[in-house]
Amino acid sequence: FGVEQYNGVLFVGSVYVYDTCRTTTGPVPGCQTSTKMVSVDSQGNNIPMILGLSAVGDDMALSHDGHYAVFLYRVGPDAHGNYSNRAALAATGF
């Protein structure tokens, strides 16, 4: 559920989720399939997620019920030129 590109240093991108309008018991009546970008801040600006930070390669995940996504992103540089890696938890709206 991520879209990525290589910027010459890191793999960066955005996190999208796709609502299939299905549950474990079948289709949801009246639901329209949709794709939503969830890697956004409170003002709706993209938070570029990054790949390759986790030692096991799990830089993003989706909760089993599809209500939440988590991903890693980088902030900085600070006054000393350092970057920090952070994790974000986003409600998918599904």
C-alpha atoms as a PDB file:
ATOM      1  CA  PHE A   1       0.000   0.000   0.000  1.00  0.00           C
ATOM      2  CA  GLY A   2       2.939   2.332  -0.568  1.00  0.00           C
ATOM      3  CA  VAL A   3       4.157   4.196  -3.609  1.00  0.00           C
ATOM      4  CA  GLU A   4       7.852   4.897  -3.770  1.00  0.00           C
ATOM      5  CA  GLN A   5      10.590   6.484  -5.833  1.00  0.00           C
ATOM      6  CA  TYR A   6      14.341   6.759  -5.422  1.00  0.00           C
ATOM      7  CA  ASN A   7      15.554  10.315  -4.856  1.00  0.00           C
ATOM      8  CA  GLY A   8      19.264   9.450  -5.121  1.00  0.00           C
ATOM      9  CA  VAL A   9      19.670   8.918  -1.371  1.00  0.00           C
ATOM     10  CA  LEU A  10      16.558   7.188  -0.014  1.00  0.00           C
ATOM     11  CA  PHE A  11      13.466   5.473  -1.281  1.00  0.00           C
ATOM     12  CA  VAL A  12      10.683   7.949  -0.526  1.00  0.00           C
ATOM     13  CA  GLY A  13       6.987   8.043  -1.274  1.00  0.00           C
ATOM     14  CA  SER A  14       3.474   8.243   0.063  1.00  0.00           C
ATOM     15  CA  VAL A  15       1.251   5.748   1.831  1.00  0.00           C
ATOM     16  CA  TYR A  16      -2.073   4.902   0.198  1.00  0.00           C
ATOM     17  CA  VAL A  17      -4.805   2.522   1.300  1.00  0.00           C
ATOM     18  CA  TYR A  18      -7.433   0.925  -0.914  1.00  0.00           C
ATOM     19  CA  ASP A  19     -10.914   0.144   0.359  1.00  0.00           C
ATOM     20  CA  THR A  20     -12.076  -3.022  -1.375  1.00  0.00           C
ATOM     21  CA  CYS A  21     -15.586  -2.678   0.122  1.00  0.00           C
ATOM     22  CA  ARG A  22     -15.349  -6.252   1.365  1.00  0.00           C
ATOM     23  CA  THR A  23     -15.354  -7.757   4.827  1.00  0.00           C
ATOM     24  CA  THR A  24     -14.640 -11.299   5.933  1.00  0.00           C
ATOM     25  CA  THR A  25     -18.351 -12.014   5.426  1.00  0.00           C
ATOM     26  CA  GLY A  26     -18.633 -10.519   1.928  1.00  0.00           C
ATOM     27  CA  PRO A  27     -19.242  -7.228   0.121  1.00  0.00           C
ATOM     28  CA  VAL A  28     -20.406  -4.093   1.946  1.00  0.00           C
ATOM     29  CA  PRO A  29     -23.758  -2.942   0.486  1.00  0.00           C
ATOM     30  CA  GLY A  30     -23.640   0.567  -1.001  1.00  0.00           C
ATOM     31  CA  CYS A  31     -19.862   0.923  -0.591  1.00  0.00           C
ATOM     32  CA  GLN A  32     -17.768   2.410  -3.402  1.00  0.00           C
ATOM     33  CA  THR A  33     -14.164   1.208  -3.733  1.00  0.00           C
ATOM     34  CA  SER A  34     -11.705   4.027  -3.177  1.00  0.00           C
ATOM     35  CA  THR A  35      -8.033   4.847  -2.709  1.00  0.00           C
ATOM     36  CA  LYS A  36      -6.922   7.344  -0.068  1.00  0.00           C
ATOM     37  CA  MET A  37      -3.502   8.845   0.717  1.00  0.00           C
ATOM     38  CA  VAL A  38      -2.997   8.570   4.489  1.00  0.00           C
ATOM     39  CA  SER A  39       0.550   9.950   4.786  1.00  0.00           C
ATOM     40  CA  VAL A  40      -0.667  13.518   5.391  1.00  0.00           C
ATOM     41  CA  ASP A  41      -0.304  15.968   8.270  1.00  0.00           C
ATOM     42  CA  SER A  42      -3.184  17.782   9.985  1.00  0.00           C
ATOM     43  CA  GLN A  43      -3.202  20.433   7.209  1.00  0.00           C
ATOM     44  CA  GLY A  44      -3.390  17.803   4.452  1.00  0.00           C
ATOM     45  CA  ASN A  45       0.261  18.127   3.359  1.00  0.00           C
ATOM     46  CA  ASN A  46       2.096  14.976   2.275  1.00  0.00           C
ATOM     47  CA  ILE A  47       4.493  13.441   4.807  1.00  0.00           C
ATOM     48  CA  PRO A  48       7.069  11.688   2.609  1.00  0.00           C
ATOM     49  CA  MET A  49       7.519   8.214   4.043  1.00  0.00           C
ATOM     50  CA  ILE A  50      10.872   6.541   3.623  1.00  0.00           C
ATOM     51  CA  LEU A  51      11.806   2.943   3.057  1.00  0.00           C
ATOM     52  CA  GLY A  52      14.852   1.048   4.191  1.00  0.00           C
ATOM     53  CA  LEU A  53      15.076   2.330   7.778  1.00  0.00           C
ATOM     54  CA  SER A  54      13.884  -0.850   9.433  1.00  0.00           C
ATOM     55  CA  ALA A  55      16.359  -3.673   9.838  1.00  0.00           C
ATOM     56  CA  VAL A  56      13.635  -6.131   8.813  1.00  0.00           C
ATOM     57  CA  GLY A  57      12.212  -4.028   5.989  1.00  0.00           C
ATOM     58  CA  ASP A  58       8.835  -3.371   7.615  1.00  0.00           C
ATOM     59  CA  ASP A  59       8.646   0.387   7.102  1.00  0.00           C
ATOM     60  CA  MET A  60       4.856   0.487   6.921  1.00  0.00           C
ATOM     61  CA  ALA A  61       1.981  -1.638   8.154  1.00  0.00           C
ATOM     62  CA  LEU A  62      -1.800  -1.788   8.149  1.00  0.00           C
ATOM     63  CA  SER A  63      -3.917  -2.886  11.106  1.00  0.00           C
ATOM     64  CA  HIS A  64      -5.794  -6.130  10.564  1.00  0.00           C
ATOM     65  CA  ASP A  65      -9.143  -4.294  10.457  1.00  0.00           C
ATOM     66  CA  GLY A  66      -7.831  -1.658   8.011  1.00  0.00           C
ATOM     67  CA  HIS A  67      -8.629   1.266  10.311  1.00  0.00           C
ATOM     68  CA  TYR A  68      -4.998   2.349  10.873  1.00  0.00           C
ATOM     69  CA  ALA A  69      -1.733   2.569   8.955  1.00  0.00           C
ATOM     70  CA  VAL A  70       1.701   3.168  10.445  1.00  0.00           C
ATOM     71  CA  PHE A  71       4.794   4.289   8.540  1.00  0.00           C
ATOM     72  CA  LEU A  72       8.273   5.711   9.090  1.00  0.00           C
ATOM     73  CA  TYR A  73       9.305   9.190   8.018  1.00  0.00           C
ATOM     74  CA  ARG A  74      12.313  11.474   8.456  1.00  0.00           C
ATOM     75  CA  VAL A  75      12.410  15.038   9.794  1.00  0.00           C
ATOM     76  CA  GLY A  76      15.237  17.537   9.697  1.00  0.00           C
ATOM     77  CA  PRO A  77      17.824  18.644   9.363  1.00  0.00           C
ATOM     78  CA  ASP A  78      18.036  20.371  12.726  1.00  0.00           C
ATOM     79  CA  ALA A  79      20.476  23.204  13.519  1.00  0.00           C
ATOM     80  CA  HIS A  80      23.329  20.658  13.627  1.00  0.00           C
ATOM     81  CA  GLY A  81      22.437  18.995  10.318  1.00  0.00           C
ATOM     82  CA  ASN A  82      20.990  15.875  11.950  1.00  0.00           C
ATOM     83  CA  TYR A  83      17.879  14.015  10.849  1.00  0.00           C
ATOM     84  CA  SER A  84      15.455  12.105  13.066  1.00  0.00           C
ATOM     85  CA  ASN A  85      13.365   9.098  12.096  1.00  0.00           C
ATOM     86  CA  ARG A  86       9.804   9.015  13.389  1.00  0.00           C
ATOM     87  CA  ALA A  87       6.808   6.743  13.176  1.00  0.00           C
ATOM     88  CA  ALA A  88       3.347   8.022  12.281  1.00  0.00           C
ATOM     89  CA  LEU A  89       0.004   6.409  13.012  1.00  0.00           C
ATOM     90  CA  ALA A  90      -2.751   7.429  10.587  1.00  0.00           C
ATOM     91  CA  ALA A  91      -6.456   6.672  10.657  1.00  0.00           C
ATOM     92  CA  THR A  92      -7.476   5.357   7.241  1.00  0.00           C
ATOM     93  CA  GLY A  93     -11.100   6.456   7.464  1.00  0.00           C
ATOM     94  CA  PHE A  94     -12.232   2.944   6.514  1.00  0.00           C
END
